[in-house]
Amino acid sequence: AEAFQEELEGLMREVRSEAQEHVLRLVENDMHSLHTTSLKSRDLEREAKEAEQLYMKGVEEYQEYEQEEIEERQLAMLLKRQEEEEKLAAEMTEAVRAEQLNLRRREKRLMLQEEA
């Protein structure tokens, strides 16, 4: 369980890091474009702020999507593990029942041999 948690945390850090790098590259590109464009008028400044807000909203939505994907993978792994554990428990129960049946048969044979 700890190894699974550590692996999950590692994946989450990796996804966050990649998302942040991607966002930084996009922001750098946007900032470069903004600096090369004259922002003399207030309309252009307002449009730039709106574009930045939309961009940041998009980044947040992307990060939420990535988080949901991680959580879905984690849930799927947990469900698979639970199914495997339930299957193993059923197999163990069946093995115990079979052993108990064998023991009863041996006891009957011994009793019959003693009577004979």
PDB file of N, CA and C in Angstrom:
ATOM      1  N   ALA A   1       0.833  -1.190   0.000  1.00  0.00           N
ATOM      2  CA  ALA A   1       0.000   0.000   0.000  1.00  0.00           C
ATOM      3  C   ALA A   1       0.878   1.254   0.000  1.00  0.00           C
ATOM      4  N   GLU A   2       2.002   1.212   0.781  1.00  0.00           N
ATOM      5  CA  GLU A   2       2.883   2.380   0.794  1.00  0.00           C
ATOM      6  C   GLU A   2       3.572   2.561  -0.548  1.00  0.00           C
ATOM      7  N   ALA A   3       3.968   1.442  -1.137  1.00  0.00           N
ATOM      8  CA  ALA A   3       4.620   1.528  -2.449  1.00  0.00           C
ATOM      9  C   ALA A   3       3.656   2.092  -3.479  1.00  0.00           C
ATOM     10  N   PHE A   4       2.413   1.651  -3.402  1.00  0.00           N
ATOM     11  CA  PHE A   4       1.386   2.164  -4.318  1.00  0.00           C
ATOM     12  C   PHE A   4       1.201   3.657  -4.105  1.00  0.00           C
ATOM     13  N   GLN A   5       1.132   4.076  -2.841  1.00  0.00           N
ATOM     14  CA  GLN A   5       0.948   5.505  -2.529  1.00  0.00           C
ATOM     15  C   GLN A   5       2.150   6.311  -3.027  1.00  0.00           C
ATOM     16  N   GLU A   6       3.360   5.778  -2.802  1.00  0.00           N
ATOM     17  CA  GLU A   6       4.557   6.484  -3.267  1.00  0.00           C
ATOM     18  C   GLU A   6       4.575   6.581  -4.785  1.00  0.00           C
ATOM     19  N   GLU A   7       4.180   5.480  -5.451  1.00  0.00           N
ATOM     20  CA  GLU A   7       4.138   5.506  -6.913  1.00  0.00           C
ATOM     21  C   GLU A   7       3.124   6.523  -7.407  1.00  0.00           C
ATOM     22  N   LEU A   8       1.966   6.543  -6.750  1.00  0.00           N
ATOM     23  CA  LEU A   8       0.915   7.495  -7.113  1.00  0.00           C
ATOM     24  C   LEU A   8       1.398   8.925  -6.902  1.00  0.00           C
ATOM     25  N   GLU A   9       2.044   9.184  -5.771  1.00  0.00           N
ATOM     26  CA  GLU A   9       2.549  10.531  -5.511  1.00  0.00           C
ATOM     27  C   GLU A   9       3.612  10.924  -6.531  1.00  0.00           C
ATOM     28  N   GLY A  10       4.449   9.969  -6.900  1.00  0.00           N
ATOM     29  CA  GLY A  10       5.460  10.233  -7.919  1.00  0.00           C
ATOM     30  C   GLY A  10       4.837  10.588  -9.247  1.00  0.00           C
ATOM     31  N   LEU A  11       3.796   9.834  -9.619  1.00  0.00           N
ATOM     32  CA  LEU A  11       3.083  10.135 -10.869  1.00  0.00           C
ATOM     33  C   LEU A  11       2.437  11.515 -10.807  1.00  0.00           C
ATOM     34  N   MET A  12       1.851  11.836  -9.653  1.00  0.00           N
ATOM     35  CA  MET A  12       1.197  13.135  -9.514  1.00  0.00           C
ATOM     36  C   MET A  12       2.236  14.264  -9.615  1.00  0.00           C
ATOM     37  N   ARG A  13       3.399  14.087  -8.965  1.00  0.00           N
ATOM     38  CA  ARG A  13       4.457  15.107  -9.063  1.00  0.00           C
ATOM     39  C   ARG A  13       4.926  15.260 -10.501  1.00  0.00           C
ATOM     40  N   GLU A  14       5.067  14.126 -11.202  1.00  0.00           N
ATOM     41  CA  GLU A  14       5.524  14.167 -12.585  1.00  0.00           C
ATOM     42  C   GLU A  14       4.518  14.901 -13.466  1.00  0.00           C
ATOM     43  N   VAL A  15       3.238  14.595 -13.287  1.00  0.00           N
ATOM     44  CA  VAL A  15       2.199  15.260 -14.088  1.00  0.00           C
ATOM     45  C   VAL A  15       2.171  16.743 -13.787  1.00  0.00           C
ATOM     46  N   ARG A  16       2.245  17.091 -12.504  1.00  0.00           N
ATOM     47  CA  ARG A  16       2.243  18.510 -12.149  1.00  0.00           C
ATOM     48  C   ARG A  16       3.452  19.226 -12.747  1.00  0.00           C
ATOM     49  N   SER A  17       4.604  18.580 -12.652  1.00  0.00           N
ATOM     50  CA  SER A  17       5.821  19.188 -13.178  1.00  0.00           C
ATOM     51  C   SER A  17       5.713  19.401 -14.686  1.00  0.00           C
ATOM     52  N   GLU A  18       5.223  18.390 -15.394  1.00  0.00           N
ATOM     53  CA  GLU A  18       5.074  18.533 -16.840  1.00  0.00           C
ATOM     54  C   GLU A  18       4.053  19.610 -17.188  1.00  0.00           C
ATOM     55  N   ALA A  19       2.969  19.648 -16.435  1.00  0.00           N
ATOM     56  CA  ALA A  19       1.944  20.666 -16.687  1.00  0.00           C
ATOM     57  C   ALA A  19       2.506  22.057 -16.419  1.00  0.00           C
ATOM     58  N   GLN A  20       3.266  22.191 -15.335  1.00  0.00           N
ATOM     59  CA  GLN A  20       3.847  23.496 -15.018  1.00  0.00           C
ATOM     60  C   GLN A  20       4.850  23.920 -16.081  1.00  0.00           C
ATOM     61  N   GLU A  21       5.672  22.976 -16.535  1.00  0.00           N
ATOM     62  CA  GLU A  21       6.630  23.303 -17.592  1.00  0.00           C
ATOM     63  C   GLU A  21       5.906  23.731 -18.857  1.00  0.00           C
ATOM     64  N   HIS A  22       4.866  23.006 -19.189  1.00  0.00           N
ATOM     65  CA  HIS A  22       4.079  23.336 -20.382  1.00  0.00           C
ATOM     66  C   HIS A  22       3.473  24.730 -20.239  1.00  0.00           C
ATOM     67  N   VAL A  23       2.915  25.002 -19.094  1.00  0.00           N
ATOM     68  CA  VAL A  23       2.297  26.305 -18.838  1.00  0.00           C
ATOM     69  C   VAL A  23       3.349  27.410 -18.900  1.00  0.00           C
ATOM     70  N   LEU A  24       4.506  27.163 -18.295  1.00  0.00           N
ATOM     71  CA  LEU A  24       5.552  28.186 -18.327  1.00  0.00           C
ATOM     72  C   LEU A  24       5.999  28.493 -19.759  1.00  0.00           C
ATOM     73  N   ARG A  25       6.128  27.441 -20.562  1.00  0.00           N
ATOM     74  CA  ARG A  25       6.511  27.684 -21.967  1.00  0.00           C
ATOM     75  C   ARG A  25       5.444  28.504 -22.677  1.00  0.00           C
ATOM     76  N   LEU A  26       4.195  28.157 -22.427  1.00  0.00           N
ATOM     77  CA  LEU A  26       3.109  28.908 -23.058  1.00  0.00           C
ATOM     78  C   LEU A  26       3.091  30.359 -22.573  1.00  0.00           C
ATOM     79  N   VAL A  27       3.294  30.549 -21.282  1.00  0.00           N
ATOM     80  CA  VAL A  27       3.308  31.907 -20.733  1.00  0.00           C
ATOM     81  C   VAL A  27       4.487  32.685 -21.305  1.00  0.00           C
ATOM     82  N   GLU A  28       5.646  32.032 -21.377  1.00  0.00           N
ATOM     83  CA  GLU A  28       6.810  32.704 -21.960  1.00  0.00           C
ATOM     84  C   GLU A  28       6.521  33.131 -23.399  1.00  0.00           C
ATOM     85  N   ASN A  29       5.923  32.223 -24.159  1.00  0.00           N
ATOM     86  CA  ASN A  29       5.581  32.566 -25.545  1.00  0.00           C
ATOM     87  C   ASN A  29       4.587  33.724 -25.595  1.00  0.00           C
ATOM     88  N   ASP A  30       3.583  33.640 -24.713  1.00  0.00           N
ATOM     89  CA  ASP A  30       2.592  34.724 -24.669  1.00  0.00           C
ATOM     90  C   ASP A  30       3.234  36.043 -24.252  1.00  0.00           C
ATOM     91  N   MET A  31       4.094  35.980 -23.251  1.00  0.00           N
ATOM     92  CA  MET A  31       4.740  37.209 -22.775  1.00  0.00           C
ATOM     93  C   MET A  31       5.640  37.799 -23.867  1.00  0.00           C
ATOM     94  N   HIS A  32       6.355  36.931 -24.566  1.00  0.00           N
ATOM     95  CA  HIS A  32       7.202  37.406 -25.653  1.00  0.00           C
ATOM     96  C   HIS A  32       6.350  38.095 -26.721  1.00  0.00           C
ATOM     97  N   SER A  33       5.228  37.449 -27.045  1.00  0.00           N
ATOM     98  CA  SER A  33       4.329  38.046 -28.032  1.00  0.00           C
ATOM     99  C   SER A  33       3.785  39.383 -27.543  1.00  0.00           C
ATOM    100  N   LEU A  34       3.454  39.441 -26.263  1.00  0.00           N
ATOM    101  CA  LEU A  34       2.921  40.691 -25.708  1.00  0.00           C
ATOM    102  C   LEU A  34       3.968  41.800 -25.736  1.00  0.00           C
ATOM    103  N   HIS A  35       5.211  41.451 -25.433  1.00  0.00           N
ATOM    104  CA  HIS A  35       6.265  42.473 -25.417  1.00  0.00           C
ATOM    105  C   HIS A  35       6.606  42.974 -26.813  1.00  0.00           C
ATOM    106  N   THR A  36       6.494  42.076 -27.777  1.00  0.00           N
ATOM    107  CA  THR A  36       6.821  42.507 -29.144  1.00  0.00           C
ATOM    108  C   THR A  36       5.684  43.304 -29.765  1.00  0.00           C
ATOM    109  N   THR A  37       4.503  43.192 -29.177  1.00  0.00           N
ATOM    110  CA  THR A  37       3.344  43.944 -29.669  1.00  0.00           C
ATOM    111  C   THR A  37       3.197  45.214 -28.840  1.00  0.00           C
ATOM    112  N   SER A  38       2.922  46.273 -29.475  1.00  0.00           N
ATOM    113  CA  SER A  38       2.734  47.532 -28.754  1.00  0.00           C
ATOM    114  C   SER A  38       1.439  47.486 -27.964  1.00  0.00           C
ATOM    115  N   LEU A  39       1.550  47.774 -26.681  1.00  0.00           N
ATOM    116  CA  LEU A  39       0.360  47.797 -25.818  1.00  0.00           C
ATOM    117  C   LEU A  39       0.052  49.241 -25.423  1.00  0.00           C
ATOM    118  N   LYS A  40      -0.006  50.097 -26.427  1.00  0.00           N
ATOM    119  CA  LYS A  40      -0.196  51.522 -26.156  1.00  0.00           C
ATOM    120  C   LYS A  40      -1.612  51.840 -25.730  1.00  0.00           C
ATOM    121  N   SER A  41      -2.567  51.156 -26.260  1.00  0.00           N
ATOM    122  CA  SER A  41      -3.945  51.528 -25.946  1.00  0.00           C
ATOM    123  C   SER A  41      -4.476  50.689 -24.784  1.00  0.00           C
ATOM    124  N   ARG A  42      -5.418  51.269 -24.083  1.00  0.00           N
ATOM    125  CA  ARG A  42      -6.027  50.560 -22.955  1.00  0.00           C
ATOM    126  C   ARG A  42      -6.824  49.356 -23.428  1.00  0.00           C
ATOM    127  N   ASP A  43      -7.390  49.449 -24.612  1.00  0.00           N
ATOM    128  CA  ASP A  43      -8.139  48.314 -25.147  1.00  0.00           C
ATOM    129  C   ASP A  43      -7.244  47.094 -25.297  1.00  0.00           C
ATOM    130  N   LEU A  44      -6.044  47.308 -25.806  1.00  0.00           N
ATOM    131  CA  LEU A  44      -5.119  46.187 -25.975  1.00  0.00           C
ATOM    132  C   LEU A  44      -4.714  45.612 -24.622  1.00  0.00           C
ATOM    133  N   GLU A  45      -4.511  46.477 -23.643  1.00  0.00           N
ATOM    134  CA  GLU A  45      -4.151  46.002 -22.304  1.00  0.00           C
ATOM    135  C   GLU A  45      -5.291  45.176 -21.709  1.00  0.00           C
ATOM    136  N   ARG A  46      -6.509  45.655 -21.873  1.00  0.00           N
ATOM    137  CA  ARG A  46      -7.669  44.929 -21.367  1.00  0.00           C
ATOM    138  C   ARG A  46      -7.785  43.570 -22.060  1.00  0.00           C
ATOM    139  N   GLU A  47      -7.609  43.559 -23.363  1.00  0.00           N
ATOM    140  CA  GLU A  47      -7.683  42.300 -24.109  1.00  0.00           C
ATOM    141  C   GLU A  47      -6.594  41.336 -23.655  1.00  0.00           C
ATOM    142  N   ALA A  48      -5.419  41.867 -23.382  1.00  0.00           N
ATOM    143  CA  ALA A  48      -4.315  41.019 -22.922  1.00  0.00           C
ATOM    144  C   ALA A  48      -4.644  40.411 -21.563  1.00  0.00           C
ATOM    145  N   LYS A  49      -5.210  41.211 -20.670  1.00  0.00           N
ATOM    146  CA  LYS A  49      -5.590  40.692 -19.350  1.00  0.00           C
ATOM    147  C   LYS A  49      -6.666  39.622 -19.490  1.00  0.00           C
ATOM    148  N   GLU A  50      -7.636  39.867 -20.345  1.00  0.00           N
ATOM    149  CA  GLU A  50      -8.691  38.881 -20.558  1.00  0.00           C
ATOM    150  C   GLU A  50      -8.114  37.587 -21.131  1.00  0.00           C
ATOM    151  N   ALA A  51      -7.202  37.743 -22.070  1.00  0.00           N
ATOM    152  CA  ALA A  51      -6.582  36.561 -22.675  1.00  0.00           C
ATOM    153  C   ALA A  51      -5.783  35.792 -21.623  1.00  0.00           C
ATOM    154  N   GLU A  52      -5.076  36.514 -20.774  1.00  0.00           N
ATOM    155  CA  GLU A  52      -4.300  35.869 -19.714  1.00  0.00           C
ATOM    156  C   GLU A  52      -5.232  35.139 -18.738  1.00  0.00           C
ATOM    157  N   GLN A  53      -6.342  35.767 -18.396  1.00  0.00           N
ATOM    158  CA  GLN A  53      -7.298  35.130 -17.490  1.00  0.00           C
ATOM    159  C   GLN A  53      -7.881  33.870 -18.123  1.00  0.00           C
ATOM    160  N   LEU A  54      -8.217  33.960 -19.407  1.00  0.00           N
ATOM    161  CA  LEU A  54      -8.726  32.782 -20.105  1.00  0.00           C
ATOM    162  C   LEU A  54      -7.668  31.677 -20.149  1.00  0.00           C
ATOM    163  N   TYR A  55      -6.452  32.098 -20.393  1.00  0.00           N
ATOM    164  CA  TYR A  55      -5.344  31.142 -20.440  1.00  0.00           C
ATOM    165  C   TYR A  55      -5.177  30.461 -19.079  1.00  0.00           C
ATOM    166  N   MET A  56      -5.175  31.245 -18.003  1.00  0.00           N
ATOM    167  CA  MET A  56      -5.011  30.686 -16.670  1.00  0.00           C
ATOM    168  C   MET A  56      -6.188  29.767 -16.334  1.00  0.00           C
ATOM    169  N   LYS A  57      -7.376  30.131 -16.760  1.00  0.00           N
ATOM    170  CA  LYS A  57      -8.536  29.277 -16.537  1.00  0.00           C
ATOM    171  C   LYS A  57      -8.340  27.951 -17.275  1.00  0.00           C
ATOM    172  N   GLY A  58      -7.825  28.039 -18.490  1.00  0.00           N
ATOM    173  CA  GLY A  58      -7.538  26.829 -19.261  1.00  0.00           C
ATOM    174  C   GLY A  58      -6.504  25.954 -18.581  1.00  0.00           C
ATOM    175  N   VAL A  59      -5.480  26.582 -18.005  1.00  0.00           N
ATOM    176  CA  VAL A  59      -4.450  25.836 -17.282  1.00  0.00           C
ATOM    177  C   VAL A  59      -5.075  25.130 -16.081  1.00  0.00           C
ATOM    178  N   GLU A  60      -5.900  25.835 -15.342  1.00  0.00           N
ATOM    179  CA  GLU A  60      -6.556  25.237 -14.182  1.00  0.00           C
ATOM    180  C   GLU A  60      -7.435  24.058 -14.599  1.00  0.00           C
ATOM    181  N   GLU A  61      -8.187  24.236 -15.683  1.00  0.00           N
ATOM    182  CA  GLU A  61      -9.046  23.156 -16.162  1.00  0.00           C
ATOM    183  C   GLU A  61      -8.218  21.953 -16.591  1.00  0.00           C
ATOM    184  N   TYR A  62      -7.083  22.215 -17.235  1.00  0.00           N
ATOM    185  CA  TYR A  62      -6.202  21.131 -17.651  1.00  0.00           C
ATOM    186  C   TYR A  62      -5.667  20.384 -16.431  1.00  0.00           C
ATOM    187  N   GLN A  63      -5.252  21.132 -15.411  1.00  0.00           N
ATOM    188  CA  GLN A  63      -4.741  20.489 -14.197  1.00  0.00           C
ATOM    189  C   GLN A  63      -5.836  19.687 -13.499  1.00  0.00           C
ATOM    190  N   GLU A  64      -7.050  20.205 -13.477  1.00  0.00           N
ATOM    191  CA  GLU A  64      -8.169  19.466 -12.883  1.00  0.00           C
ATOM    192  C   GLU A  64      -8.421  18.180 -13.667  1.00  0.00           C
ATOM    193  N   TYR A  65      -8.358  18.289 -14.988  1.00  0.00           N
ATOM    194  CA  TYR A  65      -8.553  17.111 -15.838  1.00  0.00           C
ATOM    195  C   TYR A  65      -7.485  16.063 -15.543  1.00  0.00           C
ATOM    196  N   GLU A  66      -6.236  16.501 -15.451  1.00  0.00           N
ATOM    197  CA  GLU A  66      -5.140  15.582 -15.155  1.00  0.00           C
ATOM    198  C   GLU A  66      -5.344  14.934 -13.787  1.00  0.00           C
ATOM    199  N   GLN A  67      -5.769  15.712 -12.803  1.00  0.00           N
ATOM    200  CA  GLN A  67      -6.017  15.180 -11.462  1.00  0.00           C
ATOM    201  C   GLN A  67      -7.129  14.129 -11.505  1.00  0.00           C
ATOM    202  N   GLU A  68      -8.186  14.419 -12.251  1.00  0.00           N
ATOM    203  CA  GLU A  68      -9.281  13.455 -12.379  1.00  0.00           C
ATOM    204  C   GLU A  68      -8.788  12.171 -13.040  1.00  0.00           C
ATOM    205  N   GLU A  69      -7.938  12.307 -14.044  1.00  0.00           N
ATOM    206  CA  GLU A  69      -7.388  11.126 -14.705  1.00  0.00           C
ATOM    207  C   GLU A  69      -6.577  10.284 -13.720  1.00  0.00           C
ATOM    208  N   ILE A  70      -5.769  10.944 -12.905  1.00  0.00           N
ATOM    209  CA  ILE A  70      -4.972  10.233 -11.903  1.00  0.00           C
ATOM    210  C   ILE A  70      -5.893   9.517 -10.922  1.00  0.00           C
ATOM    211  N   GLU A  71      -6.918  10.218 -10.458  1.00  0.00           N
ATOM    212  CA  GLU A  71      -7.844   9.617  -9.501  1.00  0.00           C
ATOM    213  C   GLU A  71      -8.588   8.436 -10.110  1.00  0.00           C
ATOM    214  N   GLU A  72      -8.958   8.549 -11.384  1.00  0.00           N
ATOM    215  CA  GLU A  72      -9.643   7.437 -12.052  1.00  0.00           C
ATOM    216  C   GLU A  72      -8.718   6.227 -12.175  1.00  0.00           C
ATOM    217  N   ARG A  73      -7.446   6.468 -12.520  1.00  0.00           N
ATOM    218  CA  ARG A  73      -6.492   5.362 -12.605  1.00  0.00           C
ATOM    219  C   ARG A  73      -6.284   4.733 -11.233  1.00  0.00           C
ATOM    220  N   GLN A  74      -6.195   5.578 -10.212  1.00  0.00           N
ATOM    221  CA  GLN A  74      -6.008   5.069  -8.854  1.00  0.00           C
ATOM    222  C   GLN A  74      -7.207   4.212  -8.441  1.00  0.00           C
ATOM    223  N   LEU A  75      -8.411   4.687  -8.719  1.00  0.00           N
ATOM    224  CA  LEU A  75      -9.615   3.936  -8.377  1.00  0.00           C
ATOM    225  C   LEU A  75      -9.652   2.607  -9.120  1.00  0.00           C
ATOM    226  N   ALA A  76      -9.305   2.629 -10.389  1.00  0.00           N
ATOM    227  CA  ALA A  76      -9.301   1.395 -11.179  1.00  0.00           C
ATOM    228  C   ALA A  76      -8.301   0.395 -10.599  1.00  0.00           C
ATOM    229  N   MET A  77      -7.128   0.895 -10.192  1.00  0.00           N
ATOM    230  CA  MET A  77      -6.127   0.013  -9.595  1.00  0.00           C
ATOM    231  C   MET A  77      -6.625  -0.555  -8.271  1.00  0.00           C
ATOM    232  N   LEU A  78      -7.269   0.277  -7.466  1.00  0.00           N
ATOM    233  CA  LEU A  78      -7.791  -0.190  -6.188  1.00  0.00           C
ATOM    234  C   LEU A  78      -8.893  -1.235  -6.388  1.00  0.00           C
ATOM    235  N   LEU A  79      -9.777  -0.994  -7.358  1.00  0.00           N
ATOM    236  CA  LEU A  79     -10.841  -1.958  -7.637  1.00  0.00           C
ATOM    237  C   LEU A  79     -10.266  -3.286  -8.125  1.00  0.00           C
ATOM    238  N   LYS A  80      -9.256  -3.214  -8.966  1.00  0.00           N
ATOM    239  CA  LYS A  80      -8.629  -4.431  -9.475  1.00  0.00           C
ATOM    240  C   LYS A  80      -7.978  -5.194  -8.327  1.00  0.00           C
ATOM    241  N   ARG A  81      -7.286  -4.471  -7.449  1.00  0.00           N
ATOM    242  CA  ARG A  81      -6.646  -5.103  -6.300  1.00  0.00           C
ATOM    243  C   ARG A  81      -7.698  -5.752  -5.398  1.00  0.00           C
ATOM    244  N   GLN A  82      -8.819  -5.066  -5.187  1.00  0.00           N
ATOM    245  CA  GLN A  82      -9.884  -5.616  -4.346  1.00  0.00           C
ATOM    246  C   GLN A  82     -10.449  -6.888  -4.976  1.00  0.00           C
ATOM    247  N   GLU A  83     -10.666  -6.864  -6.289  1.00  0.00           N
ATOM    248  CA  GLU A  83     -11.172  -8.056  -6.974  1.00  0.00           C
ATOM    249  C   GLU A  83     -10.194  -9.224  -6.827  1.00  0.00           C
ATOM    250  N   GLU A  84      -8.904  -8.935  -6.957  1.00  0.00           N
ATOM    251  CA  GLU A  84      -7.899  -9.985  -6.820  1.00  0.00           C
ATOM    252  C   GLU A  84      -7.886 -10.545  -5.404  1.00  0.00           C
ATOM    253  N   GLU A  85      -8.009  -9.658  -4.417  1.00  0.00           N
ATOM    254  CA  GLU A  85      -8.032 -10.106  -3.028  1.00  0.00           C
ATOM    255  C   GLU A  85      -9.275 -10.944  -2.744  1.00  0.00           C
ATOM    256  N   GLU A  86     -10.426 -10.536  -3.294  1.00  0.00           N
ATOM    257  CA  GLU A  86     -11.648 -11.307  -3.108  1.00  0.00           C
ATOM    258  C   GLU A  86     -11.535 -12.675  -3.776  1.00  0.00           C
ATOM    259  N   LYS A  87     -10.939 -12.724  -4.948  1.00  0.00           N
ATOM    260  CA  LYS A  87     -10.754 -13.994  -5.648  1.00  0.00           C
ATOM    261  C   LYS A  87      -9.832 -14.911  -4.843  1.00  0.00           C
ATOM    262  N   LEU A  88      -8.751 -14.340  -4.327  1.00  0.00           N
ATOM    263  CA  LEU A  88      -7.815 -15.123  -3.520  1.00  0.00           C
ATOM    264  C   LEU A  88      -8.504 -15.649  -2.259  1.00  0.00           C
ATOM    265  N   ALA A  89      -9.307 -14.804  -1.618  1.00  0.00           N
ATOM    266  CA  ALA A  89     -10.025 -15.230  -0.415  1.00  0.00           C
ATOM    267  C   ALA A  89     -10.978 -16.370  -0.738  1.00  0.00           C
ATOM    268  N   ALA A  90     -11.676 -16.284  -1.869  1.00  0.00           N
ATOM    269  CA  ALA A  90     -12.591 -17.344  -2.276  1.00  0.00           C
ATOM    270  C   ALA A  90     -11.828 -18.638  -2.552  1.00  0.00           C
ATOM    271  N   GLU A  91     -10.678 -18.525  -3.196  1.00  0.00           N
ATOM    272  CA  GLU A  91      -9.861 -19.709  -3.477  1.00  0.00           C
ATOM    273  C   GLU A  91      -9.367 -20.340  -2.187  1.00  0.00           C
ATOM    274  N   MET A  92      -8.962 -19.498  -1.236  1.00  0.00           N
ATOM    275  CA  MET A  92      -8.480 -20.015   0.052  1.00  0.00           C
ATOM    276  C   MET A  92      -9.621 -20.703   0.807  1.00  0.00           C
ATOM    277  N   THR A  93     -10.810 -20.107   0.770  1.00  0.00           N
ATOM    278  CA  THR A  93     -11.968 -20.705   1.433  1.00  0.00           C
ATOM    279  C   THR A  93     -12.277 -22.062   0.820  1.00  0.00           C
ATOM    280  N   GLU A  94     -12.223 -22.149  -0.491  1.00  0.00           N
ATOM    281  CA  GLU A  94     -12.482 -23.410  -1.180  1.00  0.00           C
ATOM    282  C   GLU A  94     -11.423 -24.441  -0.824  1.00  0.00           C
ATOM    283  N   ALA A  95     -10.175 -24.030  -0.719  1.00  0.00           N
ATOM    284  CA  ALA A  95      -9.092 -24.954  -0.353  1.00  0.00           C
ATOM    285  C   ALA A  95      -9.293 -25.473   1.068  1.00  0.00           C
ATOM    286  N   VAL A  96      -9.719 -24.600   1.984  1.00  0.00           N
ATOM    287  CA  VAL A  96      -9.976 -25.018   3.362  1.00  0.00           C
ATOM    288  C   VAL A  96     -11.128 -26.024   3.399  1.00  0.00           C
ATOM    289  N   ARG A  97     -12.186 -25.737   2.651  1.00  0.00           N
ATOM    290  CA  ARG A  97     -13.325 -26.666   2.596  1.00  0.00           C
ATOM    291  C   ARG A  97     -12.908 -28.025   2.043  1.00  0.00           C
ATOM    292  N   ALA A  98     -12.093 -28.023   1.004  1.00  0.00           N
ATOM    293  CA  ALA A  98     -11.633 -29.282   0.408  1.00  0.00           C
ATOM    294  C   ALA A  98     -10.785 -30.056   1.415  1.00  0.00           C
ATOM    295  N   GLU A  99      -9.944 -29.377   2.144  1.00  0.00           N
ATOM    296  CA  GLU A  99      -9.104 -30.037   3.150  1.00  0.00           C
ATOM    297  C   GLU A  99      -9.963 -30.603   4.276  1.00  0.00           C
ATOM    298  N   GLN A 100     -10.990 -29.859   4.689  1.00  0.00           N
ATOM    299  CA  GLN A 100     -11.889 -30.352   5.733  1.00  0.00           C
ATOM    300  C   GLN A 100     -12.622 -31.611   5.250  1.00  0.00           C
ATOM    301  N   LEU A 101     -13.048 -31.611   3.998  1.00  0.00           N
ATOM    302  CA  LEU A 101     -13.714 -32.777   3.425  1.00  0.00           C
ATOM    303  C   LEU A 101     -12.771 -33.967   3.415  1.00  0.00           C
ATOM    304  N   ASN A 102     -11.526 -33.753   3.013  1.00  0.00           N
ATOM    305  CA  ASN A 102     -10.537 -34.836   3.010  1.00  0.00           C
ATOM    306  C   ASN A 102     -10.317 -35.386   4.415  1.00  0.00           C
ATOM    307  N   LEU A 103     -10.245 -34.488   5.398  1.00  0.00           N
ATOM    308  CA  LEU A 103     -10.048 -34.921   6.778  1.00  0.00           C
ATOM    309  C   LEU A 103     -11.228 -35.778   7.254  1.00  0.00           C
ATOM    310  N   ARG A 104     -12.457 -35.357   6.942  1.00  0.00           N
ATOM    311  CA  ARG A 104     -13.639 -36.139   7.325  1.00  0.00           C
ATOM    312  C   ARG A 104     -13.620 -37.521   6.669  1.00  0.00           C
ATOM    313  N   ARG A 105     -13.216 -37.572   5.406  1.00  0.00           N
ATOM    314  CA  ARG A 105     -13.146 -38.856   4.700  1.00  0.00           C
ATOM    315  C   ARG A 105     -12.110 -39.773   5.349  1.00  0.00           C
ATOM    316  N   ARG A 106     -10.951 -39.212   5.701  1.00  0.00           N
ATOM    317  CA  ARG A 106      -9.919 -40.010   6.369  1.00  0.00           C
ATOM    318  C   ARG A 106     -10.426 -40.536   7.702  1.00  0.00           C
ATOM    319  N   GLU A 107     -11.119 -39.648   8.449  1.00  0.00           N
ATOM    320  CA  GLU A 107     -11.655 -40.060   9.741  1.00  0.00           C
ATOM    321  C   GLU A 107     -12.651 -41.207   9.564  1.00  0.00           C
ATOM    322  N   LYS A 108     -13.517 -41.135   8.573  1.00  0.00           N
ATOM    323  CA  LYS A 108     -14.484 -42.197   8.316  1.00  0.00           C
ATOM    324  C   LYS A 108     -13.767 -43.495   7.968  1.00  0.00           C
ATOM    325  N   ARG A 109     -12.719 -43.388   7.099  1.00  0.00           N
ATOM    326  CA  ARG A 109     -11.964 -44.582   6.725  1.00  0.00           C
ATOM    327  C   ARG A 109     -11.323 -45.223   7.941  1.00  0.00           C
ATOM    328  N   LEU A 110     -10.730 -44.382   8.804  1.00  0.00           N
ATOM    329  CA  LEU A 110     -10.094 -44.896  10.010  1.00  0.00           C
ATOM    330  C   LEU A 110     -11.117 -45.585  10.922  1.00  0.00           C
ATOM    331  N   MET A 111     -12.293 -44.953  11.046  1.00  0.00           N
ATOM    332  CA  MET A 111     -13.335 -45.532  11.878  1.00  0.00           C
ATOM    333  C   MET A 111     -13.799 -46.878  11.317  1.00  0.00           C
ATOM    334  N   LEU A 112     -13.938 -46.939  10.007  1.00  0.00           N
ATOM    335  CA  LEU A 112     -14.357 -48.185   9.369  1.00  0.00           C
ATOM    336  C   LEU A 112     -13.285 -49.265   9.512  1.00  0.00           C
ATOM    337  N   GLN A 113     -12.022 -48.864   9.407  1.00  0.00           N
ATOM    338  CA  GLN A 113     -10.932 -49.823   9.577  1.00  0.00           C
ATOM    339  C   GLN A 113     -10.887 -50.339  11.011  1.00  0.00           C
ATOM    340  N   GLU A 114     -11.120 -49.439  11.973  1.00  0.00           N
ATOM    341  CA  GLU A 114     -11.107 -49.844  13.378  1.00  0.00           C
ATOM    342  C   GLU A 114     -12.256 -50.793  13.680  1.00  0.00           C
ATOM    343  N   GLU A 115     -13.414 -50.574  13.048  1.00  0.00           N
ATOM    344  CA  GLU A 115     -14.579 -51.418  13.270  1.00  0.00           C
ATOM    345  C   GLU A 115     -14.388 -52.802  12.637  1.00  0.00           C
ATOM    346  N   ALA A 116     -13.595 -52.841  11.575  1.00  0.00           N
ATOM    347  CA  ALA A 116     -13.420 -54.083  10.852  1.00  0.00           C
ATOM    348  C   ALA A 116     -12.422 -54.994  11.484  1.00  0.00           C
TER     349      ALA A 116
END
